[in-house]
Amino acid sequence: MKKTSLFAALLAVFALLLSACGGGDSEPAASEGPVDLSTVTLKVGDQRAISIEVLMTASGQLKDTPYKVEFSTFTAGPPMVEAASAGGIHLAQVGNTPAVFGAAAGADIKVVGALEATGKGDAILVAKDSPITGVAELKGRKVAVTKGSSANANLLLHLQKAGLGLSDIEPVYVSPADGYAALTRGEVDAWAVWDPYTAIAEQEVGARIIAAADTAGNGYNFWVASGAALKDPAVTEAIADFLDRYAVATKWSADNLDEWSAKYAELTEISPEASRITWTRSIKYPVPLSDKIIASEQEIADAFTEAKEFPGKVDFAEYVDDRFQGEGS
């Protein structure tokens, strides 16, 4: 199967820098004749912070799919990577770190697409009345974070930038919901998290951002696919079509920000203000899986190795499958 994807075509619209793709050398599974997509149920991992189902529904991109789509809700990226590795889901969108942790664990996954956001919503927060004004002041303090998430990398990289390491703070590994509760109850001194949780904390309790991923690390997200799914020609074709539809949905959300943020607030039951902030700074645009992106992810992997969070070096490029990038990527 060789598919010239609308997803690939839209990459040119979203990307400012187009460089040659690197790392991926996988080929689509061999197919004997046309595949029957009507037999496919594409299993997609989702989470509140990403809300793929909400976006696809609001933009009309789930209408008339030639396959069924089944969404499963997760609390964060790391459990989605685990589910994809086990074959429980076919596809998921995660932040810049879960796939790196998956690679370190030898997960049966491939990174099949990239997205870019500003990184401003992936932040380290402190309470409204906290005396802390910078990352260096976190030394010796408790910081809530979801292990293996993009917030974990954001925290680590900012600590390194300040001349500190994870051993210089007391990490409290919790889910996003528990992190919010811990910050508001004063059980931790800071909380590393991502939008919409960042925006919710800013709006509801006046939490302050002391550092964000736009000044350390990157704002990339990734599509992660199950290794088993990529061996099935019909599921692989459904994934390609779904990525097409997501690209269209993303453009729709950017072109209709008022409608989209209002719909997101309604369906996720967060405030319109938090929704508007989230989608002003955290829309995720499809971009090519370029050498630059792969190198940036390698830096994150190396930072965790240096921090002794991984047993050895992780080669992120080995987990990249560029078959969905189309021609010329």
Protein backbone atom coordinates (compact mmCIF):
# COMPACT_ATOMS: atom_id res chain seq x y z
CA MET A 1 0.00 0.00 0.00
CA LYS A 2 1.32 3.40 -0.96
CA LYS A 3 -0.91 6.26 0.09
CA THR A 4 -0.32 9.90 -0.85
CA SER A 5 -2.06 11.38 2.16
CA LEU A 6 -3.95 14.64 2.59
CA PHE A 7 -2.26 14.65 6.00
CA ALA A 8 1.08 14.90 4.19
CA ALA A 9 -0.20 17.64 1.92
CA LEU A 10 -1.44 19.70 4.85
CA LEU A 11 1.96 19.42 6.50
CA ALA A 12 3.26 21.96 4.01
CA VAL A 13 0.62 24.42 5.17
CA PHE A 14 1.42 23.98 8.86
CA ALA A 15 5.22 23.66 8.70
CA LEU A 16 7.54 26.61 8.32
CA LEU A 17 10.65 24.49 8.00
CA LEU A 18 10.55 21.40 5.81
CA SER A 19 13.57 19.17 6.09
CA ALA A 20 14.19 15.63 5.03
CA CYS A 21 12.57 13.00 7.23
CA GLY A 22 14.95 10.86 9.21
CA GLY A 23 15.06 7.70 11.20
CA GLY A 24 12.10 5.77 9.82
CA ASP A 25 12.78 2.85 7.53
CA SER A 26 9.59 0.86 7.98
CA GLU A 27 7.49 -0.14 5.02
CA PRO A 28 3.74 -0.70 4.97
CA ALA A 29 2.59 -4.27 5.43
CA ALA A 30 2.12 -6.13 2.18
CA SER A 31 -1.47 -6.23 0.98
CA GLU A 32 -2.99 -8.59 -1.54
CA GLY A 33 -5.49 -6.40 -3.35
CA PRO A 34 -7.82 -3.74 -1.89
CA VAL A 35 -8.52 -3.79 1.83
CA ASP A 36 -12.02 -3.74 3.29
CA LEU A 37 -12.11 -0.85 5.75
CA SER A 38 -15.69 -1.68 6.74
CA THR A 39 -14.27 -4.56 8.77
CA VAL A 40 -11.96 -2.27 10.77
CA THR A 41 -12.65 -0.78 14.18
CA LEU A 42 -9.88 1.76 14.71
CA LYS A 43 -9.11 1.94 18.42
CA VAL A 44 -7.90 5.42 19.39
CA GLY A 45 -6.56 6.44 22.78
CA ASP A 46 -7.74 9.84 24.00
CA GLN A 47 -7.45 12.06 27.05
CA ARG A 48 -9.18 15.18 28.27
CA ALA A 49 -6.17 17.36 27.61
CA ILE A 50 -6.13 16.34 23.94
CA SER A 51 -9.83 15.61 23.33
CA ILE A 52 -9.43 14.09 19.90
CA GLU A 53 -12.99 12.79 19.90
CA VAL A 54 -14.37 16.23 20.84
CA LEU A 55 -12.38 17.93 18.07
CA MET A 56 -13.22 15.34 15.42
CA THR A 57 -16.91 15.45 16.33
CA ALA A 58 -17.12 19.26 16.42
CA SER A 59 -15.39 19.56 13.04
CA GLY A 60 -17.53 16.86 11.43
CA GLN A 61 -14.57 14.62 10.66
CA LEU A 62 -16.11 11.50 12.22
CA LYS A 63 -18.98 11.52 9.74
CA ASP A 64 -19.01 8.84 7.05
CA THR A 65 -15.74 7.18 8.01
CA PRO A 66 -15.34 3.93 6.02
CA TYR A 67 -14.38 2.22 9.30
CA LYS A 68 -15.61 2.36 12.88
CA VAL A 69 -13.77 4.45 15.46
CA GLU A 70 -13.66 3.44 19.11
CA PHE A 71 -12.21 5.94 21.61
CA SER A 72 -10.81 4.99 25.01
CA THR A 73 -10.08 7.65 27.64
CA PHE A 74 -6.80 7.70 29.55
CA THR A 75 -5.45 10.04 32.22
CA ALA A 76 -2.19 10.83 30.41
CA GLY A 77 0.20 9.75 27.66
CA PRO A 78 2.24 7.03 29.43
CA PRO A 79 -0.68 4.60 29.92
CA MET A 80 -1.66 5.12 26.27
CA VAL A 81 1.82 4.09 25.18
CA GLU A 82 1.51 0.98 27.36
CA ALA A 83 -1.89 0.20 25.85
CA ALA A 84 -0.57 0.64 22.31
CA SER A 85 2.40 -1.60 23.04
CA ALA A 86 0.05 -4.30 24.34
CA GLY A 87 -2.22 -3.96 21.30
CA GLY A 88 -5.14 -2.60 23.30
CA ILE A 89 -5.33 0.51 21.11
CA HIS A 90 -4.08 1.19 17.61
CA LEU A 91 -3.29 4.90 17.77
CA ALA A 92 -2.82 7.67 20.33
CA GLN A 93 -1.59 11.24 20.48
CA VAL A 94 0.90 11.90 23.27
CA GLY A 95 3.26 14.63 24.42
CA ASN A 96 6.97 14.78 23.75
CA THR A 97 7.98 12.34 26.49
CA PRO A 98 5.72 9.25 26.71
CA ALA A 99 7.12 7.81 23.48
CA VAL A 100 10.65 8.35 24.79
CA PHE A 101 9.80 6.41 27.96
CA GLY A 102 8.18 3.75 25.79
CA ALA A 103 11.34 3.46 23.73
CA ALA A 104 13.42 3.14 26.90
CA ALA A 105 11.16 0.27 27.98
CA GLY A 106 11.36 -1.43 24.57
CA ALA A 107 7.66 -0.91 23.87
CA ASP A 108 6.16 -2.32 20.68
CA ILE A 109 5.26 1.09 19.26
CA LYS A 110 6.21 3.42 16.44
CA VAL A 111 5.99 7.19 16.21
CA VAL A 112 4.04 7.79 13.01
CA GLY A 113 3.35 11.53 13.07
CA ALA A 114 4.35 14.79 14.73
CA LEU A 115 2.49 17.91 15.82
CA GLU A 116 3.76 21.26 17.01
CA ALA A 117 2.37 23.72 19.55
CA THR A 118 3.84 26.75 21.26
CA GLY A 119 4.81 24.88 24.43
CA LYS A 120 3.49 27.78 26.52
CA GLY A 121 0.77 25.65 28.09
CA ASP A 122 3.23 22.97 29.25
CA ALA A 123 4.29 24.73 32.42
CA ILE A 124 5.58 24.68 35.97
CA LEU A 125 3.03 26.32 38.27
CA VAL A 126 3.09 27.67 41.81
CA ALA A 127 0.23 28.85 43.99
CA LYS A 128 -0.99 32.42 43.67
CA ASP A 129 0.57 33.52 46.98
CA SER A 130 3.75 31.44 46.68
CA PRO A 131 7.05 33.29 47.25
CA ILE A 132 8.67 31.17 44.50
CA THR A 133 9.46 33.15 41.36
CA GLY A 134 11.90 30.89 39.51
CA VAL A 135 12.92 27.27 38.98
CA ALA A 136 16.15 27.63 41.00
CA GLU A 137 13.99 28.24 44.08
CA LEU A 138 12.50 24.75 43.77
CA LYS A 139 15.61 23.22 45.34
CA GLY A 140 14.61 21.05 48.29
CA ARG A 141 10.90 21.52 47.55
CA LYS A 142 8.06 19.17 46.59
CA VAL A 143 6.97 19.28 42.94
CA ALA A 144 3.98 17.33 41.63
CA VAL A 145 4.34 15.84 38.15
CA THR A 146 3.06 12.91 36.11
CA LYS A 147 5.96 10.52 35.56
CA GLY A 148 6.84 9.95 31.91
CA SER A 149 4.70 12.85 30.71
CA SER A 150 5.76 15.94 28.77
CA ALA A 151 5.59 17.79 32.09
CA ASN A 152 8.24 15.41 33.44
CA ALA A 153 10.63 16.43 30.65
CA ASN A 154 9.74 20.10 31.02
CA LEU A 155 10.54 19.93 34.72
CA LEU A 156 13.82 18.05 34.18
CA LEU A 157 15.05 20.36 31.43
CA HIS A 158 14.23 23.51 33.40
CA LEU A 159 15.96 22.10 36.46
CA GLN A 160 19.06 21.36 34.38
CA LYS A 161 18.91 24.87 32.94
CA ALA A 162 18.95 26.19 36.52
CA GLY A 163 21.92 23.99 37.43
CA LEU A 164 19.77 21.47 39.32
CA GLY A 165 18.55 17.91 38.84
CA LEU A 166 15.63 15.77 39.93
CA SER A 167 17.68 14.74 42.96
CA ASP A 168 17.68 18.36 44.11
CA ILE A 169 13.90 18.42 44.50
CA GLU A 170 11.33 16.03 45.89
CA PRO A 171 9.26 14.81 42.92
CA VAL A 172 5.73 13.75 43.79
CA TYR A 173 4.52 11.50 40.98
CA VAL A 174 0.76 11.86 40.60
CA SER A 175 -1.98 12.10 37.97
CA PRO A 176 -2.94 15.57 36.69
CA ALA A 177 -6.10 15.63 38.81
CA ASP A 178 -4.17 14.72 41.95
CA GLY A 179 -1.49 17.28 41.09
CA TYR A 180 -4.12 20.02 40.97
CA ALA A 181 -5.50 18.95 44.33
CA ALA A 182 -2.02 18.81 45.87
CA LEU A 183 -1.17 22.32 44.68
CA THR A 184 -4.45 23.85 45.83
CA ARG A 185 -4.18 22.18 49.26
CA GLY A 186 -0.58 23.31 49.71
CA GLU A 187 0.76 19.76 49.80
CA VAL A 188 3.35 20.56 47.14
CA ASP A 189 5.28 23.72 46.33
CA ALA A 190 4.89 23.50 42.56
CA TRP A 191 3.14 21.48 39.88
CA ALA A 192 4.39 20.64 36.38
CA VAL A 193 1.53 20.00 33.96
CA TRP A 194 0.06 20.86 30.55
CA ASP A 195 -3.03 22.53 29.07
CA PRO A 196 -5.93 22.53 29.75
CA TYR A 197 -4.85 21.81 33.34
CA THR A 198 -2.48 24.79 33.28
CA ALA A 199 -5.21 27.12 32.07
CA ILE A 200 -7.73 25.71 34.56
CA ALA A 201 -5.34 26.30 37.47
CA GLU A 202 -4.59 29.82 36.27
CA GLN A 203 -8.27 30.68 35.96
CA GLU A 204 -9.69 28.88 38.99
CA VAL A 205 -7.06 29.44 41.68
CA GLY A 206 -4.75 32.08 40.22
CA ALA A 207 -1.80 29.70 39.84
CA ARG A 208 1.29 31.35 38.36
CA ILE A 209 3.58 30.02 35.63
CA ILE A 210 7.27 30.23 36.57
CA ALA A 211 8.55 28.33 33.51
CA ALA A 212 7.14 26.85 30.31
CA ALA A 213 8.32 24.51 27.56
CA ASP A 214 8.76 27.34 25.07
CA THR A 215 12.01 28.19 26.84
CA ALA A 216 13.31 24.64 27.41
CA GLY A 217 12.65 21.42 25.51
CA ASN A 218 10.02 21.57 22.79
CA GLY A 219 6.28 21.83 22.19
CA TYR A 220 5.95 18.71 20.05
CA ASN A 221 3.29 16.06 20.32
CA PHE A 222 3.32 12.73 18.54
CA TRP A 223 1.06 10.12 17.05
CA VAL A 224 2.06 6.71 18.42
CA ALA A 225 0.84 3.51 16.78
CA SER A 226 0.83 -0.06 17.96
CA GLY A 227 3.47 -2.23 16.31
CA ALA A 228 0.86 -4.93 15.78
CA ALA A 229 -1.54 -2.47 14.14
CA LEU A 230 1.10 -1.42 11.62
CA LYS A 231 1.38 -5.03 10.43
CA ASP A 232 -2.29 -5.05 9.45
CA PRO A 233 -2.83 -3.44 6.00
CA ALA A 234 -6.47 -2.52 6.70
CA VAL A 235 -5.74 -0.93 10.08
CA THR A 236 -2.74 0.87 8.58
CA GLU A 237 -4.94 2.36 5.86
CA ALA A 238 -7.50 3.41 8.47
CA ILE A 239 -4.74 5.13 10.47
CA ALA A 240 -3.66 7.05 7.36
CA ASP A 241 -7.23 8.17 6.72
CA PHE A 242 -7.71 9.15 10.35
CA LEU A 243 -4.58 11.31 10.27
CA ASP A 244 -5.99 13.01 7.15
CA ARG A 245 -9.18 13.78 8.99
CA TYR A 246 -7.37 15.03 12.10
CA ALA A 247 -5.33 17.44 9.98
CA VAL A 248 -8.54 18.86 8.49
CA ALA A 249 -10.08 19.08 11.98
CA THR A 250 -7.05 20.96 13.30
CA LYS A 251 -7.24 23.51 10.50
CA TRP A 252 -10.96 23.90 11.22
CA SER A 253 -10.25 24.57 14.91
CA ALA A 254 -7.68 27.24 14.04
CA ASP A 255 -10.01 28.88 11.53
CA ASN A 256 -12.99 28.74 13.92
CA LEU A 257 -11.36 29.40 17.28
CA ASP A 258 -14.40 30.99 18.91
CA GLU A 259 -16.71 28.13 17.94
CA TRP A 260 -14.15 25.47 18.79
CA SER A 261 -13.18 26.84 22.21
CA ALA A 262 -16.85 27.26 23.13
CA LYS A 263 -17.65 23.71 22.05
CA TYR A 264 -14.62 22.34 23.90
CA ALA A 265 -15.65 24.16 27.08
CA GLU A 266 -19.17 22.78 26.80
CA LEU A 267 -18.21 19.17 26.16
CA THR A 268 -15.34 19.01 28.68
CA GLU A 269 -17.12 21.10 31.33
CA ILE A 270 -14.30 23.60 31.86
CA SER A 271 -14.71 27.35 31.90
CA PRO A 272 -14.91 29.23 28.59
CA GLU A 273 -11.95 31.35 29.73
CA ALA A 274 -9.73 28.30 30.36
CA SER A 275 -10.81 26.78 27.05
CA ARG A 276 -10.03 29.97 25.14
CA ILE A 277 -6.57 30.24 26.74
CA THR A 278 -5.85 26.57 25.99
CA TRP A 279 -6.72 26.75 22.33
CA THR A 280 -5.08 30.11 21.79
CA ARG A 281 -1.69 28.68 22.78
CA SER A 282 -2.07 24.88 22.52
CA ILE A 283 -3.54 24.01 19.12
CA LYS A 284 -1.36 21.21 17.79
CA TYR A 285 -0.50 21.58 14.11
CA PRO A 286 0.70 18.57 12.07
CA VAL A 287 4.34 18.92 10.97
CA PRO A 288 6.75 16.54 9.23
CA LEU A 289 8.74 14.04 11.27
CA SER A 290 11.92 15.87 10.37
CA ASP A 291 15.51 15.32 11.43
CA LYS A 292 15.18 18.44 13.59
CA ILE A 293 12.26 16.98 15.52
CA ILE A 294 13.93 13.61 15.93
CA ALA A 295 17.09 15.32 17.20
CA SER A 296 15.05 17.37 19.68
CA GLU A 297 13.46 14.19 21.02
CA GLN A 298 16.86 12.58 21.25
CA GLU A 299 17.96 15.45 23.51
CA ILE A 300 15.06 14.67 25.84
CA ALA A 301 15.96 10.98 25.87
CA ASP A 302 19.59 11.83 26.61
CA ALA A 303 18.55 14.15 29.45
CA PHE A 304 16.65 11.32 31.15
CA THR A 305 19.57 8.96 30.59
CA GLU A 306 21.93 11.51 32.14
CA ALA A 307 19.54 11.83 35.08
CA LYS A 308 19.76 8.04 35.49
CA GLU A 309 16.04 7.66 34.80
CA PHE A 310 16.84 5.24 31.95
CA PRO A 311 19.19 2.25 32.21
CA GLY A 312 20.97 3.12 28.98
CA LYS A 313 20.95 5.26 25.84
CA VAL A 314 17.72 5.41 23.86
CA ASP A 315 17.87 5.76 20.07
CA PHE A 316 14.64 7.63 19.35
CA ALA A 317 15.07 7.33 15.57
CA GLU A 318 14.65 3.57 15.82
CA TYR A 319 11.05 4.15 16.93
CA VAL A 320 10.11 6.41 14.02
CA ASP A 321 7.99 5.08 11.15
CA ASP A 322 7.76 7.70 8.40
CA ARG A 323 5.43 5.87 6.02
CA PHE A 324 2.60 8.34 6.68
CA GLN A 325 4.64 11.40 5.73
CA GLY A 326 3.87 11.05 2.01
CA GLU A 327 6.19 11.95 -0.83
CA GLY A 328 8.71 14.77 -0.43
CA SER A 329 8.77 14.80 3.37
